[in-house]
Amino acid sequence: MSENGLGRREVLGAAGVAACGLALTACGTGGAESRPSLKGKVLAKTADVPVGGGALIEDLKVVVTQPSEGVYMAFSARCTHKGCAVSTPKDNVIRCACHGSEFATDSGKATKGPATAPLASFKVRVEGDGIVVA
């Protein structure tokens, strides 16, 4: 027991609770990334998203793809392995340069590790010549 009457377990437990509280404050609830809604936002022009490739929208941390003619998809540009930014899609693959993970442009599914979880997706629609978050 310490001078204040607390045992080692109590002191360590209190330190753990304090650390968890700091982590939640720093990272938001549950570690979720908080950012404004992208709903209604034009992500890219259709002409800027090639078939079989895509466009990386760095300021929004989004990647827009066109896996086949006229089909547009949008995903988080953060790799699900360690959070590195992915690169511009090419040959129907979204690649992460940090550790080599690869994702499918039509689903965001991890096709090569170390990432195992898919990229978060956004529903999009075409309005005029823009690709907009639905």
C-alpha atoms as a PDB file:
ATOM      1  CA  MET A   1       0.000   0.000   0.000  1.00  0.00           C
ATOM      2  CA  SER A   2       1.128   3.529  -0.755  1.00  0.00           C
ATOM      3  CA  GLU A   3       1.002   6.550   1.554  1.00  0.00           C
ATOM      4  CA  ASN A   4      -2.469   7.511   0.293  1.00  0.00           C
ATOM      5  CA  GLY A   5      -3.897   4.089   1.110  1.00  0.00           C
ATOM      6  CA  LEU A   6      -4.115   2.885  -2.481  1.00  0.00           C
ATOM      7  CA  GLY A   7      -2.626  -0.404  -3.580  1.00  0.00           C
ATOM      8  CA  ARG A   8      -0.620  -0.967  -6.731  1.00  0.00           C
ATOM      9  CA  ARG A   9      -3.674  -2.314  -8.613  1.00  0.00           C
ATOM     10  CA  GLU A  10      -5.788   0.717  -7.768  1.00  0.00           C
ATOM     11  CA  VAL A  11      -3.055   3.112  -8.868  1.00  0.00           C
ATOM     12  CA  LEU A  12      -2.494   1.233 -12.149  1.00  0.00           C
ATOM     13  CA  GLY A  13      -6.236   0.969 -12.744  1.00  0.00           C
ATOM     14  CA  ALA A  14      -6.703   4.709 -12.247  1.00  0.00           C
ATOM     15  CA  ALA A  15      -3.792   5.420 -14.618  1.00  0.00           C
ATOM     16  CA  GLY A  16      -5.383   3.164 -17.241  1.00  0.00           C
ATOM     17  CA  VAL A  17      -8.740   4.921 -16.959  1.00  0.00           C
ATOM     18  CA  ALA A  18      -7.027   8.311 -17.282  1.00  0.00           C
ATOM     19  CA  ALA A  19      -5.118   7.149 -20.376  1.00  0.00           C
ATOM     20  CA  CYS A  20      -8.328   5.867 -21.979  1.00  0.00           C
ATOM     21  CA  GLY A  21     -10.018   9.165 -21.302  1.00  0.00           C
ATOM     22  CA  LEU A  22      -7.191  11.068 -22.960  1.00  0.00           C
ATOM     23  CA  ALA A  23      -7.266   8.755 -25.973  1.00  0.00           C
ATOM     24  CA  LEU A  24     -10.999   9.259 -26.442  1.00  0.00           C
ATOM     25  CA  THR A  25     -10.626  13.012 -26.194  1.00  0.00           C
ATOM     26  CA  ALA A  26      -7.780  13.072 -28.705  1.00  0.00           C
ATOM     27  CA  CYS A  27      -9.287  10.663 -31.197  1.00  0.00           C
ATOM     28  CA  GLY A  28     -13.017  11.262 -30.830  1.00  0.00           C
ATOM     29  CA  THR A  29     -15.484   8.651 -29.691  1.00  0.00           C
ATOM     30  CA  GLY A  30     -14.398   5.155 -30.493  1.00  0.00           C
ATOM     31  CA  GLY A  31     -11.435   6.430 -32.493  1.00  0.00           C
ATOM     32  CA  ALA A  32     -13.719   7.417 -35.383  1.00  0.00           C
ATOM     33  CA  GLU A  33     -12.419  10.167 -37.594  1.00  0.00           C
ATOM     34  CA  SER A  34     -14.692  13.184 -37.273  1.00  0.00           C
ATOM     35  CA  ARG A  35     -15.112  15.293 -40.362  1.00  0.00           C
ATOM     36  CA  PRO A  36     -17.901  17.232 -42.016  1.00  0.00           C
ATOM     37  CA  SER A  37     -20.400  15.317 -44.132  1.00  0.00           C
ATOM     38  CA  LEU A  38     -19.509  14.956 -47.790  1.00  0.00           C
ATOM     39  CA  LYS A  39     -23.175  14.541 -48.827  1.00  0.00           C
ATOM     40  CA  GLY A  40     -23.911  16.638 -51.917  1.00  0.00           C
ATOM     41  CA  LYS A  41     -20.224  17.436 -52.443  1.00  0.00           C
ATOM     42  CA  VAL A  42     -18.831  17.185 -55.998  1.00  0.00           C
ATOM     43  CA  LEU A  43     -15.794  14.927 -55.644  1.00  0.00           C
ATOM     44  CA  ALA A  44     -14.515  14.992 -59.217  1.00  0.00           C
ATOM     45  CA  LYS A  45     -15.478  15.540 -62.840  1.00  0.00           C
ATOM     46  CA  THR A  46     -16.313  12.394 -64.797  1.00  0.00           C
ATOM     47  CA  ALA A  47     -13.666  13.346 -67.396  1.00  0.00           C
ATOM     48  CA  ASP A  48     -10.985  13.235 -64.669  1.00  0.00           C
ATOM     49  CA  VAL A  49     -11.708   9.617 -63.666  1.00  0.00           C
ATOM     50  CA  PRO A  50     -10.425   7.156 -66.298  1.00  0.00           C
ATOM     51  CA  VAL A  51     -11.960   3.730 -66.872  1.00  0.00           C
ATOM     52  CA  GLY A  52      -9.916   1.173 -64.925  1.00  0.00           C
ATOM     53  CA  GLY A  53      -8.379   3.919 -62.832  1.00  0.00           C
ATOM     54  CA  GLY A  54      -9.429   6.806 -60.709  1.00  0.00           C
ATOM     55  CA  ALA A  55      -8.646  10.084 -59.050  1.00  0.00           C
ATOM     56  CA  LEU A  56      -7.226  10.778 -55.616  1.00  0.00           C
ATOM     57  CA  ILE A  57      -8.910  13.767 -53.956  1.00  0.00           C
ATOM     58  CA  GLU A  58      -6.234  14.494 -51.353  1.00  0.00           C
ATOM     59  CA  ASP A  59      -7.931  17.360 -49.509  1.00  0.00           C
ATOM     60  CA  LEU A  60     -11.077  15.256 -48.926  1.00  0.00           C
ATOM     61  CA  LYS A  61      -9.122  12.014 -48.320  1.00  0.00           C
ATOM     62  CA  VAL A  62     -11.277  10.252 -50.920  1.00  0.00           C
ATOM     63  CA  VAL A  63     -10.455   8.152 -53.969  1.00  0.00           C
ATOM     64  CA  VAL A  64     -12.953   8.023 -56.866  1.00  0.00           C
ATOM     65  CA  THR A  65     -12.824   5.112 -59.298  1.00  0.00           C
ATOM     66  CA  GLN A  66     -14.415   4.040 -62.580  1.00  0.00           C
ATOM     67  CA  PRO A  67     -13.966   0.250 -62.629  1.00  0.00           C
ATOM     68  CA  SER A  68     -16.024  -0.053 -65.828  1.00  0.00           C
ATOM     69  CA  GLU A  69     -17.470   2.437 -68.316  1.00  0.00           C
ATOM     70  CA  GLY A  70     -19.974   4.730 -66.584  1.00  0.00           C
ATOM     71  CA  VAL A  71     -19.709   3.075 -63.143  1.00  0.00           C
ATOM     72  CA  TYR A  72     -18.283   5.355 -60.465  1.00  0.00           C
ATOM     73  CA  MET A  73     -17.326   4.436 -56.915  1.00  0.00           C
ATOM     74  CA  ALA A  74     -15.803   6.400 -54.038  1.00  0.00           C
ATOM     75  CA  PHE A  75     -13.793   5.188 -51.070  1.00  0.00           C
ATOM     76  CA  SER A  76     -11.807   6.524 -48.165  1.00  0.00           C
ATOM     77  CA  ALA A  77      -8.224   7.195 -49.219  1.00  0.00           C
ATOM     78  CA  ARG A  78      -6.958   5.808 -45.884  1.00  0.00           C
ATOM     79  CA  CYS A  79      -5.582   2.272 -45.945  1.00  0.00           C
ATOM     80  CA  THR A  80      -7.315   0.040 -43.412  1.00  0.00           C
ATOM     81  CA  HIS A  81      -4.005  -1.456 -42.301  1.00  0.00           C
ATOM     82  CA  LYS A  82      -2.182   1.517 -40.731  1.00  0.00           C
ATOM     83  CA  GLY A  83      -4.035   4.548 -42.103  1.00  0.00           C
ATOM     84  CA  CYS A  84      -1.553   5.569 -44.790  1.00  0.00           C
ATOM     85  CA  ALA A  85      -2.921   7.424 -47.805  1.00  0.00           C
ATOM     86  CA  VAL A  86      -3.504   5.235 -50.846  1.00  0.00           C
ATOM     87  CA  SER A  87      -2.306   6.277 -54.287  1.00  0.00           C
ATOM     88  CA  THR A  88      -4.204   7.122 -57.459  1.00  0.00           C
ATOM     89  CA  PRO A  89      -5.913   3.934 -58.748  1.00  0.00           C
ATOM     90  CA  LYS A  90      -4.474   2.248 -61.823  1.00  0.00           C
ATOM     91  CA  ASP A  91      -5.299  -1.020 -63.610  1.00  0.00           C
ATOM     92  CA  ASN A  92      -8.416  -1.456 -61.403  1.00  0.00           C
ATOM     93  CA  VAL A  93      -6.277  -1.524 -58.246  1.00  0.00           C
ATOM     94  CA  ILE A  94      -5.980   0.954 -55.390  1.00  0.00           C
ATOM     95  CA  ARG A  95      -2.518   0.576 -53.840  1.00  0.00           C
ATOM     96  CA  CYS A  96      -1.038   1.629 -50.541  1.00  0.00           C
ATOM     97  CA  ALA A  97       2.645   2.471 -50.905  1.00  0.00           C
ATOM     98  CA  CYS A  98       3.363   2.141 -47.179  1.00  0.00           C
ATOM     99  CA  HIS A  99       3.029  -1.641 -46.825  1.00  0.00           C
ATOM    100  CA  GLY A 100       1.836  -2.938 -50.207  1.00  0.00           C
ATOM    101  CA  SER A 101      -1.866  -3.471 -49.526  1.00  0.00           C
ATOM    102  CA  GLU A 102      -4.120  -3.501 -52.580  1.00  0.00           C
ATOM    103  CA  PHE A 103      -7.860  -2.896 -52.922  1.00  0.00           C
ATOM    104  CA  ALA A 104     -10.371  -3.540 -55.727  1.00  0.00           C
ATOM    105  CA  THR A 105     -11.661  -0.408 -57.474  1.00  0.00           C
ATOM    106  CA  ASP A 106     -15.166  -1.894 -57.815  1.00  0.00           C
ATOM    107  CA  SER A 107     -15.702  -2.767 -54.136  1.00  0.00           C
ATOM    108  CA  GLY A 108     -12.872  -1.399 -52.002  1.00  0.00           C
ATOM    109  CA  LYS A 109     -12.235  -4.980 -50.876  1.00  0.00           C
ATOM    110  CA  ALA A 110      -8.694  -5.793 -49.723  1.00  0.00           C
ATOM    111  CA  THR A 111      -7.176  -8.108 -52.332  1.00  0.00           C
ATOM    112  CA  LYS A 112      -3.588  -8.132 -51.032  1.00  0.00           C
ATOM    113  CA  GLY A 113      -2.405  -7.697 -47.450  1.00  0.00           C
ATOM    114  CA  PRO A 114      -1.401  -6.791 -44.934  1.00  0.00           C
ATOM    115  CA  ALA A 115      -4.773  -4.953 -44.963  1.00  0.00           C
ATOM    116  CA  THR A 116      -7.721  -7.312 -44.518  1.00  0.00           C
ATOM    117  CA  ALA A 117     -10.640  -4.882 -44.134  1.00  0.00           C
ATOM    118  CA  PRO A 118     -12.171  -3.074 -47.124  1.00  0.00           C
ATOM    119  CA  LEU A 119     -11.887   0.666 -47.633  1.00  0.00           C
ATOM    120  CA  ALA A 120     -14.876   2.629 -46.330  1.00  0.00           C
ATOM    121  CA  SER A 121     -17.181   3.462 -49.238  1.00  0.00           C
ATOM    122  CA  PHE A 122     -19.372   6.420 -50.174  1.00  0.00           C
ATOM    123  CA  LYS A 123     -22.478   6.225 -52.359  1.00  0.00           C
ATOM    124  CA  VAL A 124     -22.073   8.483 -55.367  1.00  0.00           C
ATOM    125  CA  ARG A 125     -24.134   9.553 -58.357  1.00  0.00           C
ATOM    126  CA  VAL A 126     -23.390  11.480 -61.522  1.00  0.00           C
ATOM    127  CA  GLU A 127     -24.957  14.946 -61.809  1.00  0.00           C
ATOM    128  CA  GLY A 128     -24.121  16.608 -65.093  1.00  0.00           C
ATOM    129  CA  ASP A 129     -20.368  16.131 -65.434  1.00  0.00           C
ATOM    130  CA  GLY A 130     -19.723  15.808 -61.684  1.00  0.00           C
ATOM    131  CA  ILE A 131     -19.474  12.816 -59.379  1.00  0.00           C
ATOM    132  CA  VAL A 132     -21.419  13.727 -56.247  1.00  0.00           C
ATOM    133  CA  VAL A 133     -21.742  12.017 -52.852  1.00  0.00           C
ATOM    134  CA  ALA A 134     -25.332  10.765 -52.608  1.00  0.00           C
END
